[in-house]
């Protein structure tokens, strides 16, 4: 089992503009520090579980899973990390 934290905020590297333009702005949407966690698990015999995507939200929306890999499991937590409840 392994987990990786990913940012979901787009950070543009290059901006395209017309030649000779004096002022060029760049903009991105999202909050600073917006992250999600991806959990993947594989057994020693090679059997794997579908990935689990943990989003930083209070309520899960089906739209978050729209382009995820088939069989993926979606979950939410207040900080986007995996949390154990005892």
N, C-alpha and C. Protein backbone atom coordinates (compact mmCIF):
# COMPACT_ATOMS: atom_id res chain seq x y z
N UNK A 1 0.84 -1.16 0.00
CA UNK A 1 0.00 0.00 0.00
C UNK A 1 0.89 1.23 0.00
N UNK A 2 0.52 2.21 -0.80
CA UNK A 2 1.26 3.46 -0.85
C UNK A 2 0.28 4.58 -1.07
N UNK A 3 0.60 5.74 -0.55
CA UNK A 3 -0.24 6.91 -0.77
C UNK A 3 0.63 8.07 -1.23
N UNK A 4 0.05 8.88 -2.09
CA UNK A 4 0.77 10.04 -2.61
C UNK A 4 -0.14 11.25 -2.56
N UNK A 5 0.38 12.36 -2.09
CA UNK A 5 -0.36 13.61 -2.08
C UNK A 5 -0.15 14.36 -3.39
N UNK A 6 -1.23 14.82 -3.99
CA UNK A 6 -1.17 15.54 -5.25
C UNK A 6 -1.88 16.88 -5.10
N UNK A 7 -1.42 17.87 -5.82
CA UNK A 7 -2.12 19.14 -5.85
C UNK A 7 -3.11 19.13 -7.00
N UNK A 8 -4.25 19.74 -6.79
CA UNK A 8 -5.27 19.79 -7.83
C UNK A 8 -5.39 21.20 -8.41
N UNK A 9 -4.47 22.08 -8.05
CA UNK A 9 -4.48 23.45 -8.57
C UNK A 9 -3.51 23.52 -9.74
N UNK A 10 -4.01 23.98 -10.88
CA UNK A 10 -3.19 24.11 -12.09
C UNK A 10 -2.21 25.26 -11.92
N UNK A 11 -0.94 25.00 -12.22
CA UNK A 11 0.09 26.03 -12.16
C UNK A 11 0.69 26.19 -13.55
N UNK A 12 0.22 27.18 -14.30
CA UNK A 12 0.73 27.34 -15.67
C UNK A 12 2.21 27.69 -15.69
N UNK A 13 2.95 27.06 -16.58
CA UNK A 13 4.39 27.34 -16.71
C UNK A 13 4.65 28.40 -17.77
N UNK A 14 3.94 28.32 -18.88
CA UNK A 14 4.14 29.27 -19.96
C UNK A 14 2.82 29.95 -20.30
N UNK A 15 2.90 31.18 -20.75
CA UNK A 15 1.73 31.93 -21.15
C UNK A 15 1.91 32.35 -22.60
N UNK A 16 0.91 32.09 -23.43
CA UNK A 16 0.97 32.50 -24.83
C UNK A 16 0.29 33.85 -24.99
N UNK A 17 0.91 34.73 -25.76
CA UNK A 17 0.34 36.05 -26.01
C UNK A 17 0.76 36.52 -27.40
N UNK A 18 0.07 37.51 -27.90
CA UNK A 18 0.42 38.07 -29.20
C UNK A 18 1.73 38.82 -29.09
N UNK A 19 2.50 38.77 -30.17
CA UNK A 19 3.79 39.46 -30.20
C UNK A 19 3.57 40.98 -30.09
N UNK A 20 4.39 41.61 -29.26
CA UNK A 20 4.32 43.04 -29.09
C UNK A 20 3.37 43.50 -28.00
N UNK A 21 2.64 42.60 -27.40
CA UNK A 21 1.71 42.98 -26.34
C UNK A 21 2.50 43.38 -25.10
N UNK A 22 2.18 44.51 -24.50
CA UNK A 22 2.95 45.05 -23.39
C UNK A 22 2.62 44.39 -22.05
N UNK A 23 1.36 44.05 -21.84
CA UNK A 23 0.96 43.51 -20.55
C UNK A 23 0.27 42.17 -20.76
N UNK A 24 0.78 41.14 -20.11
CA UNK A 24 0.21 39.80 -20.22
C UNK A 24 -0.04 39.29 -18.82
N UNK A 25 -1.24 38.83 -18.57
CA UNK A 25 -1.57 38.30 -17.25
C UNK A 25 -1.78 36.80 -17.31
N UNK A 26 -1.59 36.17 -16.19
CA UNK A 26 -1.91 34.75 -16.11
C UNK A 26 -2.76 34.53 -14.87
N UNK A 27 -3.65 33.55 -14.98
CA UNK A 27 -4.59 33.34 -13.90
C UNK A 27 -4.81 31.83 -13.74
N UNK A 28 -5.04 31.42 -12.53
CA UNK A 28 -5.36 30.03 -12.25
C UNK A 28 -6.47 29.99 -11.22
N UNK A 29 -7.25 28.94 -11.24
CA UNK A 29 -8.34 28.83 -10.29
C UNK A 29 -7.97 27.81 -9.21
N UNK A 30 -8.60 27.92 -8.07
CA UNK A 30 -8.35 26.98 -6.99
C UNK A 30 -7.77 27.69 -5.78
N UNK A 31 -7.78 27.01 -4.68
CA UNK A 31 -7.25 27.57 -3.45
C UNK A 31 -5.81 27.13 -3.24
N UNK A 32 -5.06 27.94 -2.57
CA UNK A 32 -3.68 27.58 -2.25
C UNK A 32 -3.69 26.40 -1.30
N UNK A 33 -2.88 25.41 -1.60
CA UNK A 33 -2.79 24.24 -0.74
C UNK A 33 -3.87 23.20 -0.98
N UNK A 34 -4.65 23.34 -2.05
CA UNK A 34 -5.70 22.37 -2.36
C UNK A 34 -5.05 21.06 -2.81
N UNK A 35 -5.21 20.01 -2.02
CA UNK A 35 -4.56 18.74 -2.31
C UNK A 35 -5.55 17.59 -2.28
N UNK A 36 -5.11 16.46 -2.77
CA UNK A 36 -5.85 15.21 -2.66
C UNK A 36 -4.84 14.10 -2.46
N UNK A 37 -5.30 12.96 -1.98
CA UNK A 37 -4.44 11.81 -1.74
C UNK A 37 -4.91 10.65 -2.61
N UNK A 38 -3.96 9.95 -3.22
CA UNK A 38 -4.26 8.76 -4.00
C UNK A 38 -3.64 7.57 -3.27
N UNK A 39 -4.46 6.56 -2.98
CA UNK A 39 -4.00 5.36 -2.28
C UNK A 39 -4.07 4.19 -3.24
N UNK A 40 -2.97 3.47 -3.39
CA UNK A 40 -2.90 2.29 -4.25
C UNK A 40 -2.40 1.11 -3.42
N UNK A 41 -2.99 -0.08 -3.67
CA UNK A 41 -2.58 -1.27 -2.92
C UNK A 41 -2.48 -2.47 -3.86
N UNK A 42 -1.39 -3.25 -3.69
CA UNK A 42 -1.14 -4.45 -4.47
C UNK A 42 -0.64 -5.53 -3.52
N UNK A 43 -1.17 -6.76 -3.68
CA UNK A 43 -0.71 -7.86 -2.83
C UNK A 43 0.57 -8.47 -3.40
N UNK A 44 1.22 -9.31 -2.62
CA UNK A 44 2.45 -9.98 -3.07
C UNK A 44 2.18 -10.92 -4.24
N UNK A 45 0.95 -11.42 -4.36
CA UNK A 45 0.61 -12.32 -5.47
C UNK A 45 0.23 -11.56 -6.74
N UNK A 46 0.21 -10.23 -6.68
CA UNK A 46 -0.07 -9.42 -7.86
C UNK A 46 -1.50 -8.95 -7.99
N UNK A 47 -2.34 -9.23 -7.02
CA UNK A 47 -3.73 -8.76 -7.05
C UNK A 47 -3.75 -7.33 -6.52
N UNK A 48 -4.42 -6.45 -7.25
CA UNK A 48 -4.45 -5.05 -6.83
C UNK A 48 -5.87 -4.57 -6.62
N UNK A 49 -5.99 -3.58 -5.76
CA UNK A 49 -7.28 -2.93 -5.52
C UNK A 49 -7.36 -1.69 -6.39
N UNK A 50 -8.56 -1.30 -6.78
CA UNK A 50 -8.68 -0.05 -7.52
C UNK A 50 -8.17 1.12 -6.67
N UNK A 51 -7.69 2.19 -7.30
CA UNK A 51 -7.18 3.32 -6.52
C UNK A 51 -8.28 4.00 -5.71
N UNK A 52 -7.91 4.54 -4.57
CA UNK A 52 -8.83 5.32 -3.75
C UNK A 52 -8.38 6.77 -3.79
N UNK A 53 -9.29 7.65 -4.13
CA UNK A 53 -9.00 9.07 -4.23
C UNK A 53 -9.66 9.79 -3.05
N UNK A 54 -8.86 10.44 -2.23
CA UNK A 54 -9.36 11.14 -1.04
C UNK A 54 -9.26 12.64 -1.31
N UNK A 55 -10.41 13.30 -1.37
CA UNK A 55 -10.48 14.73 -1.67
C UNK A 55 -10.63 15.56 -0.40
N UNK A 56 -10.16 16.78 -0.45
CA UNK A 56 -10.30 17.72 0.66
C UNK A 56 -11.68 18.39 0.52
N UNK A 57 -12.67 17.76 1.13
CA UNK A 57 -14.04 18.24 1.07
C UNK A 57 -14.81 17.71 2.26
N UNK A 58 -16.01 18.27 2.46
CA UNK A 58 -16.88 17.74 3.51
C UNK A 58 -17.86 16.73 2.95
N UNK A 59 -18.31 16.94 1.70
CA UNK A 59 -19.27 16.03 1.08
C UNK A 59 -18.76 15.58 -0.28
N UNK A 60 -19.00 14.32 -0.60
CA UNK A 60 -18.56 13.74 -1.87
C UNK A 60 -19.54 14.09 -2.98
N UNK A 61 -19.02 14.40 -4.14
CA UNK A 61 -19.82 14.67 -5.33
C UNK A 61 -19.43 13.67 -6.41
N UNK A 62 -20.40 13.15 -7.13
CA UNK A 62 -20.12 12.19 -8.20
C UNK A 62 -19.28 12.82 -9.32
N UNK A 63 -19.35 14.12 -9.47
CA UNK A 63 -18.59 14.80 -10.53
C UNK A 63 -17.08 14.67 -10.32
N UNK A 64 -16.64 14.51 -9.07
CA UNK A 64 -15.21 14.36 -8.79
C UNK A 64 -14.65 13.08 -9.39
N UNK A 65 -15.50 12.08 -9.58
CA UNK A 65 -15.05 10.78 -10.07
C UNK A 65 -15.30 10.61 -11.58
N UNK A 66 -15.71 11.67 -12.25
CA UNK A 66 -16.11 11.58 -13.65
C UNK A 66 -15.02 11.00 -14.56
N UNK A 67 -13.79 11.44 -14.46
CA UNK A 67 -12.71 10.97 -15.35
C UNK A 67 -11.69 10.11 -14.60
N UNK A 68 -12.08 9.52 -13.50
CA UNK A 68 -11.16 8.68 -12.74
C UNK A 68 -11.07 7.29 -13.38
N UNK A 69 -10.03 6.54 -13.05
CA UNK A 69 -9.89 5.18 -13.59
C UNK A 69 -11.10 4.31 -13.22
N UNK A 70 -11.48 3.36 -14.07
CA UNK A 70 -12.62 2.50 -13.77
C UNK A 70 -12.44 1.75 -12.45
N UNK A 71 -13.49 1.69 -11.64
CA UNK A 71 -13.45 1.00 -10.36
C UNK A 71 -12.88 1.81 -9.23
N UNK A 72 -12.48 3.05 -9.48
CA UNK A 72 -11.89 3.89 -8.42
C UNK A 72 -12.90 4.15 -7.31
N UNK A 73 -12.37 4.32 -6.11
CA UNK A 73 -13.19 4.59 -4.94
C UNK A 73 -12.95 6.04 -4.54
N UNK A 74 -14.01 6.80 -4.32
CA UNK A 74 -13.88 8.20 -3.91
C UNK A 74 -14.26 8.38 -2.46
N UNK A 75 -13.53 9.25 -1.77
CA UNK A 75 -13.82 9.55 -0.37
C UNK A 75 -13.42 10.99 -0.09
N UNK A 76 -13.88 11.51 1.03
CA UNK A 76 -13.56 12.88 1.43
C UNK A 76 -13.04 12.90 2.87
N UNK A 77 -12.20 13.88 3.14
CA UNK A 77 -11.76 14.13 4.51
C UNK A 77 -11.55 15.64 4.65
N UNK A 78 -11.59 16.16 5.87
CA UNK A 78 -11.46 17.61 6.04
C UNK A 78 -10.17 18.21 5.51
N UNK A 79 -9.07 17.42 5.49
CA UNK A 79 -7.80 17.97 5.02
C UNK A 79 -7.26 17.30 3.76
N UNK A 80 -7.99 16.32 3.20
CA UNK A 80 -7.54 15.64 1.98
C UNK A 80 -6.56 14.53 2.23
N UNK A 81 -6.35 14.15 3.49
CA UNK A 81 -5.41 13.09 3.82
C UNK A 81 -6.18 11.84 4.20
N UNK A 82 -5.49 10.71 4.27
CA UNK A 82 -6.12 9.50 4.78
C UNK A 82 -6.22 9.63 6.29
N UNK A 83 -7.36 9.23 6.83
CA UNK A 83 -7.62 9.37 8.25
C UNK A 83 -8.16 8.04 8.78
N UNK A 84 -7.67 7.59 9.89
CA UNK A 84 -8.16 6.35 10.52
C UNK A 84 -9.14 6.73 11.64
N UNK A 85 -10.30 6.14 11.59
CA UNK A 85 -11.30 6.36 12.65
C UNK A 85 -11.38 5.08 13.48
N UNK A 86 -11.15 5.19 14.79
CA UNK A 86 -11.20 4.03 15.67
C UNK A 86 -12.49 4.01 16.43
